[in-house]
N, C-alpha and C. Protein backbone atom coordinates (compact mmCIF):
# COMPACT_ATOMS: atom_id res chain seq x y z
N MET A 1 0.55 -1.28 0.17
CA MET A 1 -0.24 -0.22 -0.12
C MET A 1 0.65 1.61 -0.10
N ILE A 2 0.66 2.59 -0.67
CA ILE A 2 1.65 3.77 -0.57
C ILE A 2 0.81 4.73 0.07
N HIS A 3 0.51 5.36 0.79
CA HIS A 3 -0.12 6.73 1.57
C HIS A 3 0.52 7.70 0.30
N GLN A 4 0.62 8.74 0.39
CA GLN A 4 0.54 9.50 -0.01
C GLN A 4 0.21 11.06 0.46
N LEU A 5 1.50 11.83 1.09
CA LEU A 5 0.89 12.60 2.08
C LEU A 5 1.59 13.74 1.10
N MET A 6 0.64 14.49 0.19
CA MET A 6 1.34 15.81 -0.61
C MET A 6 1.26 17.27 0.16
N SER A 7 2.19 18.12 -0.24
CA SER A 7 2.55 19.03 0.37
C SER A 7 2.10 20.26 -0.45
N TYR A 8 1.73 21.28 0.51
CA TYR A 8 1.07 22.55 0.10
C TYR A 8 2.28 23.26 0.06
N THR A 9 3.06 23.03 0.69
CA THR A 9 4.24 24.36 1.15
C THR A 9 5.57 24.17 0.41
N MET A 10 6.25 24.47 0.75
CA MET A 10 8.17 24.15 -0.31
C MET A 10 8.09 22.68 0.09
N ALA A 11 7.97 22.45 1.38
CA ALA A 11 8.49 21.27 1.79
C ALA A 11 8.12 20.38 0.70
N SER A 12 8.52 18.60 0.15
CA SER A 12 8.49 18.23 -0.88
C SER A 12 7.23 17.07 -0.28
N ASN A 13 6.41 16.42 -0.97
CA ASN A 13 5.33 15.13 -0.84
C ASN A 13 6.36 14.49 -0.03
N VAL A 14 5.81 13.91 0.66
CA VAL A 14 6.21 12.12 1.22
C VAL A 14 5.55 10.68 0.85
N PHE A 15 5.95 10.11 0.24
CA PHE A 15 5.20 8.88 0.47
C PHE A 15 5.78 7.34 1.17
N ILE A 16 4.67 6.93 1.80
CA ILE A 16 4.99 5.59 2.28
C ILE A 16 4.43 4.41 1.61
N VAL A 17 5.77 3.59 1.76
CA VAL A 17 5.18 2.20 1.15
C VAL A 17 4.83 1.29 2.18
N GLU A 18 3.80 0.64 2.33
CA GLU A 18 3.45 0.04 3.61
C GLU A 18 3.50 -1.09 3.32
N ASP A 19 4.64 -1.80 3.88
CA ASP A 19 4.50 -3.61 3.32
C ASP A 19 5.28 -4.55 4.42
N ASP A 20 6.03 -5.09 4.31
CA ASP A 20 6.88 -6.44 5.34
C ASP A 20 7.81 -5.37 5.91
N SER A 21 8.48 -4.96 5.21
CA SER A 21 9.47 -3.53 5.59
C SER A 21 8.67 -2.08 5.39
N THR A 22 8.78 -1.39 5.65
CA THR A 22 8.18 0.04 5.73
C THR A 22 9.01 0.90 5.22
N VAL A 23 8.69 1.19 4.27
CA VAL A 23 9.85 2.67 3.65
C VAL A 23 8.92 4.35 3.09
N MET A 24 9.85 5.08 3.57
CA MET A 24 9.27 6.44 3.24
C MET A 24 11.05 6.89 2.37
N VAL A 25 9.52 7.65 1.42
CA VAL A 25 10.27 7.67 0.44
C VAL A 25 10.80 9.51 0.67
N ASP A 26 11.52 9.94 0.91
CA ASP A 26 11.65 11.73 1.37
C ASP A 26 10.61 11.73 2.96
N ALA A 27 11.34 12.86 3.73
CA ALA A 27 10.60 13.30 4.78
C ALA A 27 10.18 14.52 4.68
N GLY A 28 10.25 15.11 3.77
CA GLY A 28 9.98 16.72 3.95
C GLY A 28 10.64 17.78 4.83
N MET A 29 10.15 18.40 5.08
CA MET A 29 11.34 19.55 5.35
C MET A 29 11.15 19.55 7.21
N GLY A 30 10.06 18.99 7.55
CA GLY A 30 10.10 18.80 8.78
C GLY A 30 9.85 19.99 9.71
N LEU A 31 8.89 20.83 9.34
CA LEU A 31 8.68 21.84 10.21
C LEU A 31 7.17 21.42 10.85
N SER A 32 6.71 20.67 10.68
CA SER A 32 5.32 20.17 10.88
C SER A 32 5.32 19.39 11.68
N ARG A 33 4.04 18.67 12.52
CA ARG A 33 4.08 17.23 12.79
C ARG A 33 3.64 16.77 11.87
N ARG A 34 3.20 17.11 11.22
CA ARG A 34 1.45 16.42 9.72
C ARG A 34 1.86 15.09 9.86
N VAL A 35 3.85 14.63 8.94
CA VAL A 35 4.07 13.49 8.72
C VAL A 35 4.62 12.63 9.87
N THR A 36 4.54 13.24 10.48
CA THR A 36 4.70 12.12 12.10
C THR A 36 3.34 12.01 12.80
N ASP A 37 2.36 12.66 12.75
CA ASP A 37 0.99 12.73 13.05
C ASP A 37 0.10 11.38 12.31
N TYR A 38 0.76 11.54 10.98
CA TYR A 38 -0.10 10.44 10.05
C TYR A 38 0.61 9.31 10.47
N VAL A 39 1.52 8.90 10.09
CA VAL A 39 2.36 7.93 11.05
C VAL A 39 1.87 7.32 12.11
N LYS A 40 2.19 7.61 13.10
CA LYS A 40 1.28 7.72 14.63
C LYS A 40 -0.18 6.91 14.28
N GLU A 41 -0.93 7.94 13.59
CA GLU A 41 -2.45 7.83 13.41
C GLU A 41 -2.63 6.61 12.99
N LYS A 42 -1.38 5.63 11.19
CA LYS A 42 -1.80 4.81 11.05
C LYS A 42 -0.90 3.83 11.74
N GLY A 43 -0.36 3.41 12.63
CA GLY A 43 0.35 2.67 13.93
C GLY A 43 1.62 2.50 12.54
N LEU A 44 2.69 3.10 12.07
CA LEU A 44 3.47 2.87 10.93
C LEU A 44 4.51 2.89 11.65
N THR A 45 5.36 1.96 11.50
CA THR A 45 7.26 2.38 11.69
C THR A 45 7.71 2.29 10.99
N ILE A 46 8.75 2.85 10.36
CA ILE A 46 9.32 3.67 9.48
C ILE A 46 10.27 2.57 9.47
N ASP A 47 10.78 1.56 8.53
CA ASP A 47 12.03 0.98 8.47
C ASP A 47 13.30 1.63 7.88
N ILE A 48 12.81 2.25 6.63
CA ILE A 48 14.06 2.66 5.83
C ILE A 48 13.18 3.78 5.15
N LEU A 49 13.99 5.36 5.42
CA LEU A 49 13.78 6.49 5.14
C LEU A 49 14.72 6.95 3.90
N VAL A 50 14.51 6.65 2.12
CA VAL A 50 14.87 7.31 1.06
C VAL A 50 15.12 8.90 0.73
N ASN A 51 16.49 9.14 0.98
CA ASN A 51 16.22 10.55 0.41
C ASN A 51 16.78 10.35 -1.09
N THR A 52 15.67 10.72 -2.18
CA THR A 52 15.92 11.04 -3.32
C THR A 52 17.37 11.81 -3.42
N HIS A 53 17.32 12.53 -2.81
CA HIS A 53 18.19 13.76 -3.02
C HIS A 53 18.61 14.54 -1.75
N CYS A 54 20.14 14.98 -1.94
CA CYS A 54 20.11 16.25 -0.59
C CYS A 54 19.66 16.90 0.02
N HIS A 55 18.38 17.85 -0.95
CA HIS A 55 18.00 19.48 -0.61
C HIS A 55 17.53 18.97 0.70
N VAL A 56 17.39 20.28 1.21
CA VAL A 56 16.63 20.09 2.58
C VAL A 56 14.87 20.12 2.73
N ASP A 57 14.49 20.23 1.57
CA ASP A 57 13.41 19.86 1.71
C ASP A 57 12.92 18.94 1.79
N HIS A 58 13.52 17.61 1.13
CA HIS A 58 12.82 16.50 1.06
C HIS A 58 13.97 15.71 2.30
N ILE A 59 15.07 16.15 3.51
CA ILE A 59 16.01 15.90 4.21
C ILE A 59 15.54 16.31 5.63
N GLY A 60 15.46 17.26 5.78
CA GLY A 60 14.93 18.15 6.92
C GLY A 60 14.01 17.13 7.88
N GLY A 61 13.14 16.51 7.46
CA GLY A 61 12.21 15.94 8.36
C GLY A 61 12.74 14.29 8.91
N ASP A 62 13.75 13.77 7.87
CA ASP A 62 14.75 13.02 8.56
C ASP A 62 14.59 12.95 10.13
N ARG A 63 14.87 14.19 10.72
CA ARG A 63 15.67 14.18 11.96
C ARG A 63 14.22 13.63 12.94
N LEU A 64 13.09 13.83 12.47
CA LEU A 64 12.17 13.20 13.02
C LEU A 64 11.45 11.68 13.32
N PHE A 65 12.51 10.88 12.28
CA PHE A 65 12.17 9.73 12.35
C PHE A 65 13.86 9.11 12.85
N PRO A 66 14.26 9.06 13.77
CA PRO A 66 15.88 8.78 13.83
C PRO A 66 16.02 7.42 14.22
N ASP A 67 14.93 6.51 14.31
CA ASP A 67 15.08 4.88 14.61
C ASP A 67 14.85 4.31 13.03
N ALA A 68 14.85 5.22 12.24
CA ALA A 68 15.10 4.87 10.53
C ALA A 68 16.31 4.86 10.23
N ARG A 69 16.30 3.92 9.13
CA ARG A 69 17.65 4.03 8.51
C ARG A 69 18.05 4.50 7.20
N ILE A 70 18.09 5.45 7.00
CA ILE A 70 18.36 6.29 5.53
C ILE A 70 19.71 5.86 4.93
N TYR A 71 18.95 6.01 3.13
CA TYR A 71 19.44 5.43 2.33
C TYR A 71 19.28 6.44 1.67
N ALA A 72 20.39 6.82 0.74
CA ALA A 72 20.41 7.74 -0.21
C ALA A 72 21.78 6.95 -0.95
N HIS A 73 21.51 8.25 -2.54
CA HIS A 73 22.46 7.61 -3.32
C HIS A 73 24.33 8.18 -2.94
N GLU A 74 25.08 7.17 -3.43
CA GLU A 74 26.34 7.63 -3.11
C GLU A 74 27.08 9.12 -2.74
N LEU A 75 26.67 9.49 -4.61
CA LEU A 75 27.06 10.82 -4.32
C LEU A 75 26.29 11.90 -3.81
N ASP A 76 25.07 11.81 -3.12
CA ASP A 76 24.57 13.08 -2.52
C ASP A 76 24.92 12.52 -1.33
N ALA A 77 24.94 11.20 -0.70
CA ALA A 77 24.98 10.70 0.57
C ALA A 77 26.16 11.64 1.71
N PRO A 78 27.45 11.91 0.79
CA PRO A 78 28.19 12.94 1.53
C PRO A 78 27.98 14.00 2.26
N ASP A 79 27.28 14.87 1.26
CA ASP A 79 26.24 15.84 1.69
C ASP A 79 25.40 15.76 3.04
N ILE A 80 24.17 14.50 2.77
CA ILE A 80 23.52 14.92 3.57
C ILE A 80 24.70 14.18 5.09
N GLU A 81 25.75 13.35 4.76
CA GLU A 81 26.18 13.37 6.26
C GLU A 81 27.23 14.80 6.98
N THR A 82 27.55 15.28 5.90
CA THR A 82 28.04 16.79 6.26
C THR A 82 27.52 17.76 6.53
N GLY A 83 25.85 17.87 5.96
CA GLY A 83 25.59 18.84 5.99
C GLY A 83 26.43 20.32 5.34
N SER A 84 26.33 19.92 4.24
CA SER A 84 27.36 20.84 3.12
C SER A 84 26.62 22.05 2.42
N GLN A 85 27.01 22.70 1.99
CA GLN A 85 26.38 24.00 1.30
C GLN A 85 25.59 23.56 -0.06
N LYS A 86 25.41 22.38 -0.26
CA LYS A 86 24.55 21.33 -1.62
C LYS A 86 23.38 21.07 -0.78
N THR A 87 22.76 21.30 0.26
CA THR A 87 21.40 21.26 1.04
C THR A 87 20.78 22.10 1.51
N LEU A 88 21.69 23.23 0.60
CA LEU A 88 20.83 24.83 1.02
C LEU A 88 19.96 24.67 2.15
N TRP A 89 21.09 24.67 3.33
CA TRP A 89 20.69 24.64 4.47
C TRP A 89 20.47 25.94 4.87
N HIS A 90 20.46 27.08 3.66
CA HIS A 90 20.36 28.30 4.24
C HIS A 90 19.10 29.01 3.86
N PHE A 91 18.60 27.42 3.14
CA PHE A 91 17.02 28.28 2.63
C PHE A 91 16.20 28.51 3.64
N GLY A 92 16.12 28.94 5.07
CA GLY A 92 15.53 29.10 5.77
C GLY A 92 15.85 28.69 7.13
N PHE A 93 16.89 28.52 7.10
CA PHE A 93 17.28 27.63 8.41
C PHE A 93 18.79 28.58 8.73
N ASP A 94 19.09 28.42 10.01
CA ASP A 94 20.12 28.89 10.58
C ASP A 94 21.07 28.12 10.33
N LYS A 95 21.22 26.83 10.49
CA LYS A 95 22.13 25.99 10.57
C LYS A 95 21.88 24.54 9.77
N PRO A 96 22.80 23.66 9.34
CA PRO A 96 22.58 23.13 8.47
C PRO A 96 21.71 21.71 8.79
N PHE A 97 21.17 20.77 8.48
CA PHE A 97 21.02 19.51 8.83
C PHE A 97 21.94 18.47 8.29
N LYS A 98 22.46 17.11 8.94
CA LYS A 98 23.04 16.17 8.87
C LYS A 98 22.65 15.44 9.49
N PHE A 99 22.39 13.92 8.98
CA PHE A 99 21.97 13.15 9.01
C PHE A 99 23.10 11.50 8.73
N PRO A 100 23.11 11.02 9.49
CA PRO A 100 23.81 9.49 9.45
C PRO A 100 23.55 8.86 8.20
N VAL A 101 23.60 8.46 6.72
CA VAL A 101 23.48 7.65 5.74
C VAL A 101 23.74 5.88 6.04
N PHE A 102 22.72 5.44 6.99
CA PHE A 102 23.06 3.86 6.87
C PHE A 102 23.32 2.92 5.67
N LYS A 103 22.97 3.08 4.21
CA LYS A 103 23.57 2.38 3.48
C LYS A 103 23.44 3.53 2.17
N ARG A 104 24.62 3.72 1.45
CA ARG A 104 24.91 4.42 0.22
C ARG A 104 24.44 3.31 -1.22
N VAL A 105 23.30 3.55 -1.53
CA VAL A 105 23.11 2.91 -2.84
C VAL A 105 23.35 3.55 -3.85
N ARG A 106 23.17 2.90 -5.35
CA ARG A 106 23.59 3.14 -6.87
C ARG A 106 23.10 2.17 -7.60
N GLU A 107 23.26 2.96 -8.65
CA GLU A 107 22.41 2.35 -10.01
C GLU A 107 22.16 0.69 -10.02
N GLY A 108 21.00 0.39 -10.04
CA GLY A 108 20.03 -0.41 -10.40
C GLY A 108 19.98 -1.17 -8.75
N ASP A 109 20.60 -0.72 -7.76
CA ASP A 109 20.20 -1.50 -6.48
C ASP A 109 18.69 -1.49 -6.07
N VAL A 110 18.62 -2.82 -5.72
CA VAL A 110 16.81 -2.91 -5.43
C VAL A 110 16.59 -2.94 -3.64
N ILE A 111 15.47 -2.33 -3.49
CA ILE A 111 15.10 -1.98 -2.53
C ILE A 111 13.99 -2.55 -1.87
N SER A 112 13.81 -4.07 -1.39
CA SER A 112 12.18 -4.74 -1.41
C SER A 112 11.79 -4.55 -0.15
N THR A 113 10.51 -4.57 -0.40
CA THR A 113 9.98 -4.08 0.84
C THR A 113 8.67 -5.55 1.41
N GLY A 114 9.26 -5.95 0.33
CA GLY A 114 7.86 -7.46 0.52
C GLY A 114 7.25 -7.59 -0.64
N ASP A 115 6.52 -6.79 -1.41
CA ASP A 115 5.74 -7.16 -2.06
C ASP A 115 6.19 -6.32 -3.40
N TYR A 116 7.22 -5.02 -2.59
CA TYR A 116 7.43 -4.17 -4.03
C TYR A 116 8.88 -3.90 -4.16
N ASN A 117 9.42 -3.92 -5.26
CA ASN A 117 11.21 -3.76 -5.63
C ASN A 117 11.81 -2.43 -6.15
N LEU A 118 11.78 -2.20 -4.78
CA LEU A 118 11.96 -0.69 -6.04
C LEU A 118 13.43 -0.50 -6.13
N LYS A 119 13.36 -0.67 -7.63
CA LYS A 119 15.16 -0.23 -8.01
C LYS A 119 15.54 1.35 -8.44
N VAL A 120 16.85 1.37 -8.24
CA VAL A 120 17.27 2.68 -7.84
C VAL A 120 18.23 2.83 -9.44
N ILE A 121 17.29 4.40 -10.09
CA ILE A 121 17.57 4.56 -11.24
C ILE A 121 18.29 6.21 -10.40
N HIS A 122 19.32 5.93 -11.51
CA HIS A 122 20.01 7.14 -11.42
C HIS A 122 19.72 8.52 -12.40
N THR A 123 19.02 9.25 -11.48
CA THR A 123 18.49 10.57 -12.58
C THR A 123 19.25 11.87 -11.89
N PRO A 124 20.78 12.29 -12.24
CA PRO A 124 21.17 13.42 -12.11
C PRO A 124 20.61 14.61 -12.90
N GLY A 125 20.61 16.18 -12.51
CA GLY A 125 20.04 16.86 -12.81
C GLY A 125 19.68 17.81 -12.21
N HIS A 126 19.04 17.79 -11.47
CA HIS A 126 18.87 18.69 -10.10
C HIS A 126 19.86 18.75 -9.45
N THR A 127 20.87 17.12 -8.41
CA THR A 127 22.17 17.23 -8.11
C THR A 127 22.49 15.87 -8.72
N GLU A 128 23.40 16.08 -8.26
CA GLU A 128 24.45 15.03 -8.89
C GLU A 128 24.12 13.66 -8.57
N GLY A 129 23.80 13.52 -7.25
CA GLY A 129 23.13 11.96 -7.14
C GLY A 129 21.67 12.14 -6.68
N SER A 130 21.04 12.56 -7.76
CA SER A 130 19.26 12.29 -7.17
C SER A 130 18.87 11.19 -8.07
N MET A 131 18.29 10.77 -7.36
CA MET A 131 17.98 9.28 -8.07
C MET A 131 16.24 9.15 -7.79
N SER A 132 15.72 8.33 -8.70
CA SER A 132 14.38 7.87 -8.83
C SER A 132 14.05 6.60 -8.35
N LEU A 133 13.07 5.97 -7.50
CA LEU A 133 12.86 4.58 -7.55
C LEU A 133 11.86 3.91 -8.40
N TYR A 134 12.05 2.60 -9.38
CA TYR A 134 11.14 2.54 -10.19
C TYR A 134 10.84 1.22 -9.92
N GLU A 135 9.28 0.49 -9.84
CA GLU A 135 8.74 -0.48 -9.65
C GLU A 135 8.31 -0.69 -10.46
N LYS A 136 9.13 -1.89 -11.31
CA LYS A 136 8.76 -2.14 -12.67
C LYS A 136 7.03 -2.96 -12.90
N ASP A 137 7.25 -4.07 -12.30
CA ASP A 137 5.89 -5.12 -12.51
C ASP A 137 4.97 -4.44 -12.34
N LYS A 138 4.84 -3.13 -11.88
CA LYS A 138 3.36 -2.11 -10.42
C LYS A 138 3.28 -0.43 -11.49
N LYS A 139 5.04 -0.60 -12.86
CA LYS A 139 4.72 0.64 -13.48
C LYS A 139 4.62 1.80 -13.11
N ILE A 140 5.02 1.81 -11.44
CA ILE A 140 5.56 3.30 -11.02
C ILE A 140 6.76 3.92 -11.06
N LEU A 141 6.80 5.06 -10.64
CA LEU A 141 8.17 6.01 -10.62
C LEU A 141 8.23 6.60 -9.48
N PHE A 142 8.84 6.58 -8.38
CA PHE A 142 9.14 7.62 -7.34
C PHE A 142 10.21 8.66 -8.17
N SER A 143 9.63 9.94 -8.86
CA SER A 143 10.98 10.35 -9.05
C SER A 143 11.41 11.45 -8.75
N GLY A 144 11.24 11.99 -7.19
CA GLY A 144 11.86 12.89 -6.25
C GLY A 144 11.74 14.22 -6.93
N ASP A 145 12.61 15.02 -7.40
CA ASP A 145 12.57 16.26 -8.35
C ASP A 145 13.12 16.20 -9.63
N CYS A 146 13.44 15.03 -10.20
CA CYS A 146 13.69 14.96 -11.74
C CYS A 146 12.36 15.18 -12.64
N VAL A 147 11.82 15.07 -12.09
CA VAL A 147 9.84 14.95 -12.93
C VAL A 147 8.96 15.61 -11.85
N PHE A 148 7.94 16.53 -12.46
CA PHE A 148 6.56 16.87 -12.03
C PHE A 148 5.84 16.40 -12.97
N ASP A 149 4.94 16.59 -12.17
CA ASP A 149 3.39 16.12 -13.15
C ASP A 149 3.41 17.29 -14.03
N MET A 150 3.33 18.76 -14.00
CA MET A 150 3.57 19.97 -14.63
C MET A 150 5.02 20.55 -14.98
N GLY A 151 6.11 19.66 -15.10
CA GLY A 151 7.05 19.90 -15.22
C GLY A 151 8.72 19.29 -14.42
N ILE A 152 9.95 19.72 -14.84
CA ILE A 152 11.16 19.25 -14.20
C ILE A 152 11.81 20.07 -12.90
N GLY A 153 12.75 19.23 -12.52
CA GLY A 153 12.92 19.58 -11.10
C GLY A 153 14.29 21.12 -12.06
N ARG A 154 14.17 22.38 -10.41
CA ARG A 154 15.55 23.39 -11.54
C ARG A 154 17.02 23.05 -11.53
N MET A 155 17.24 23.37 -12.70
CA MET A 155 18.30 23.29 -13.23
C MET A 155 19.11 24.67 -12.56
N ASP A 156 19.19 25.30 -11.93
CA ASP A 156 19.98 26.18 -12.18
C ASP A 156 20.09 26.44 -10.70
N PHE A 157 20.23 25.96 -9.74
CA PHE A 157 21.01 25.66 -8.56
C PHE A 157 22.34 25.30 -8.92
N PRO A 158 22.95 25.81 -8.15
CA PRO A 158 24.79 24.99 -7.73
C PRO A 158 24.72 23.95 -8.43
N THR A 159 23.76 22.64 -7.47
CA THR A 159 23.78 21.38 -8.19
C THR A 159 23.25 21.19 -8.93
N GLY A 160 22.61 21.41 -10.14
CA GLY A 160 21.72 21.29 -11.19
C GLY A 160 23.21 21.21 -12.06
N ASN A 161 22.49 20.76 -13.32
CA ASN A 161 23.47 20.31 -14.53
C ASN A 161 22.51 19.83 -15.46
N PRO A 162 21.96 20.85 -16.63
CA PRO A 162 21.12 20.52 -17.05
C PRO A 162 21.33 19.46 -18.95
N GLU A 163 22.16 19.28 -19.13
CA GLU A 163 22.59 18.60 -19.99
C GLU A 163 22.30 16.89 -18.96
N ASP A 164 22.71 16.50 -17.29
CA ASP A 164 22.39 15.37 -17.02
C ASP A 164 20.84 15.32 -17.01
N MET A 165 20.03 16.03 -16.30
CA MET A 165 18.83 16.56 -16.32
C MET A 165 18.14 15.79 -18.04
N LYS A 166 18.95 16.33 -18.95
CA LYS A 166 17.78 15.68 -20.15
C LYS A 166 18.54 14.09 -20.51
N ARG A 167 19.83 13.94 -20.30
CA ARG A 167 19.80 12.61 -20.36
C ARG A 167 18.66 11.33 -19.47
N SER A 168 18.69 12.30 -18.07
CA SER A 168 17.84 11.53 -17.30
C SER A 168 16.52 11.36 -17.38
N LEU A 169 16.12 12.35 -18.07
CA LEU A 169 14.32 12.19 -18.53
C LEU A 169 14.85 11.25 -19.99
N GLU A 170 15.12 11.68 -20.78
CA GLU A 170 15.20 10.58 -21.60
C GLU A 170 15.32 9.00 -21.60
N ARG A 171 16.01 8.84 -20.67
CA ARG A 171 16.46 7.54 -19.67
C ARG A 171 14.98 6.89 -18.92
N LEU A 172 14.23 7.68 -18.08
CA LEU A 172 13.27 7.74 -18.02
C LEU A 172 11.71 7.68 -19.03
N LEU A 173 12.25 7.77 -19.86
CA LEU A 173 10.98 7.99 -21.13
C LEU A 173 11.15 6.56 -22.24
N THR A 174 11.92 5.69 -21.59
CA THR A 174 12.31 4.07 -21.83
C THR A 174 11.94 3.22 -21.21
N LEU A 175 11.32 3.84 -20.09
CA LEU A 175 10.47 2.46 -18.52
C LEU A 175 9.00 2.83 -18.67
N ASP A 176 8.79 1.60 -18.83
CA ASP A 176 6.81 1.44 -19.04
C ASP A 176 6.39 2.17 -17.56
N ILE A 177 5.99 3.20 -17.64
CA ILE A 177 5.65 3.80 -16.49
C ILE A 177 4.03 3.95 -16.60
N GLU A 178 3.56 4.19 -15.85
CA GLU A 178 1.76 4.22 -15.59
C GLU A 178 1.52 6.16 -14.34
N THR A 179 2.16 5.72 -13.19
CA THR A 179 2.12 6.39 -12.30
C THR A 179 3.53 6.75 -12.36
N ILE A 180 3.57 7.80 -11.84
CA ILE A 180 4.83 9.15 -11.54
C ILE A 180 4.64 9.45 -10.07
N TYR A 181 4.79 9.22 -8.97
CA TYR A 181 4.93 9.99 -7.56
C TYR A 181 6.39 10.92 -7.76
N ALA A 182 5.33 12.22 -8.11
CA ALA A 182 6.79 12.96 -8.05
C ALA A 182 7.40 13.79 -6.27
N GLY A 183 8.20 14.52 -6.37
CA GLY A 183 8.45 15.50 -4.93
C GLY A 183 7.86 16.44 -4.72
N HIS A 184 6.89 17.12 -5.70
CA HIS A 184 6.25 18.16 -5.69
C HIS A 184 5.02 18.03 -6.88
N GLY A 185 4.02 18.88 -6.22
CA GLY A 185 3.26 18.10 -6.92
C GLY A 185 2.05 17.35 -7.35
N GLY A 186 1.32 17.36 -8.07
CA GLY A 186 0.30 16.07 -8.15
C GLY A 186 0.92 14.93 -8.61
N THR A 187 0.26 13.78 -8.85
CA THR A 187 0.66 12.85 -9.20
C THR A 187 0.79 12.48 -11.11
N GLY A 188 2.34 12.31 -11.63
CA GLY A 188 1.78 12.60 -12.98
C GLY A 188 2.19 11.11 -13.68
N THR A 189 2.55 10.87 -14.76
CA THR A 189 2.26 9.72 -15.90
C THR A 189 3.46 10.05 -16.82
N LYS A 190 3.34 8.88 -17.45
CA LYS A 190 4.67 8.87 -19.06
C LYS A 190 4.69 10.23 -19.73
N ASP A 191 3.79 11.22 -19.61
CA ASP A 191 3.26 12.10 -20.31
C ASP A 191 4.27 13.38 -19.70
N SER A 192 4.50 13.14 -18.38
CA SER A 192 4.90 14.39 -18.01
C SER A 192 6.50 14.56 -18.39
N ILE A 193 6.99 12.84 -18.66
CA ILE A 193 8.15 13.24 -18.82
C ILE A 193 8.23 13.90 -20.25
N ARG A 194 7.75 12.85 -21.23
CA ARG A 194 7.51 13.85 -22.76
C ARG A 194 7.33 15.36 -22.75
N MET A 195 6.65 15.82 -21.73
CA MET A 195 6.18 17.36 -21.36
C MET A 195 7.60 18.09 -21.06
N GLY A 196 7.92 17.33 -20.48
CA GLY A 196 9.41 18.10 -19.95
C GLY A 196 10.72 17.63 -20.75
N LEU A 197 11.01 17.01 -21.75
CA LEU A 197 11.83 17.33 -22.60
C LEU A 197 11.43 18.24 -23.66
N GLU A 198 9.68 18.13 -24.03
CA GLU A 198 9.20 19.01 -25.35
C GLU A 198 9.67 20.54 -24.73
N PHE A 199 9.23 20.59 -23.57
CA PHE A 199 9.40 22.28 -23.39
C PHE A 199 10.59 22.63 -23.12
N PHE A 200 10.90 21.95 -22.12
CA PHE A 200 11.92 22.36 -21.43
C PHE A 200 13.83 22.15 -22.65
N PHE A 201 13.72 21.58 -23.37
CA PHE A 201 15.00 21.04 -24.33
C PHE A 201 14.32 21.38 -25.42
């Protein structure tokens, strides 16, 4: 079962895959108890917390789940662990957040929950270590800030790279995807990827 906690602020959307092992995909900014209250209300225990990339609007909420094992791509994990400038901590915060990464994942790794097998797809462009999670059998993609329902991730940050973003979108377009759970905005489809390529490139 997938729980969707859509954000109406600058914080990221939060998705929870409830299964034998329960996985949270991004934790939002953590400025309210909305996510923790939801988890408590549903009686969930977050076993794994996947950060799709290192920006604070996705990792700030990590601090609210100290018992969860944090997974991040090997290229963004050092920034999460050290609280580097790449996390954009100055975005309304006095100091950076930093969290211990339990596992540094890479292209092709699979995070298995039981009924879901979430394959790591390296999708740089928004950050060097941005990643998406692809469930082939269910045809779903957790895209982080690579692609949204009505756009793509920003490339004008110091961590951004338009050439990488274009390649990432072209690669996602080759996958069999029906539903995109994006880091911001609503739920997308494969047409969201096509639109991103056509409009921005």
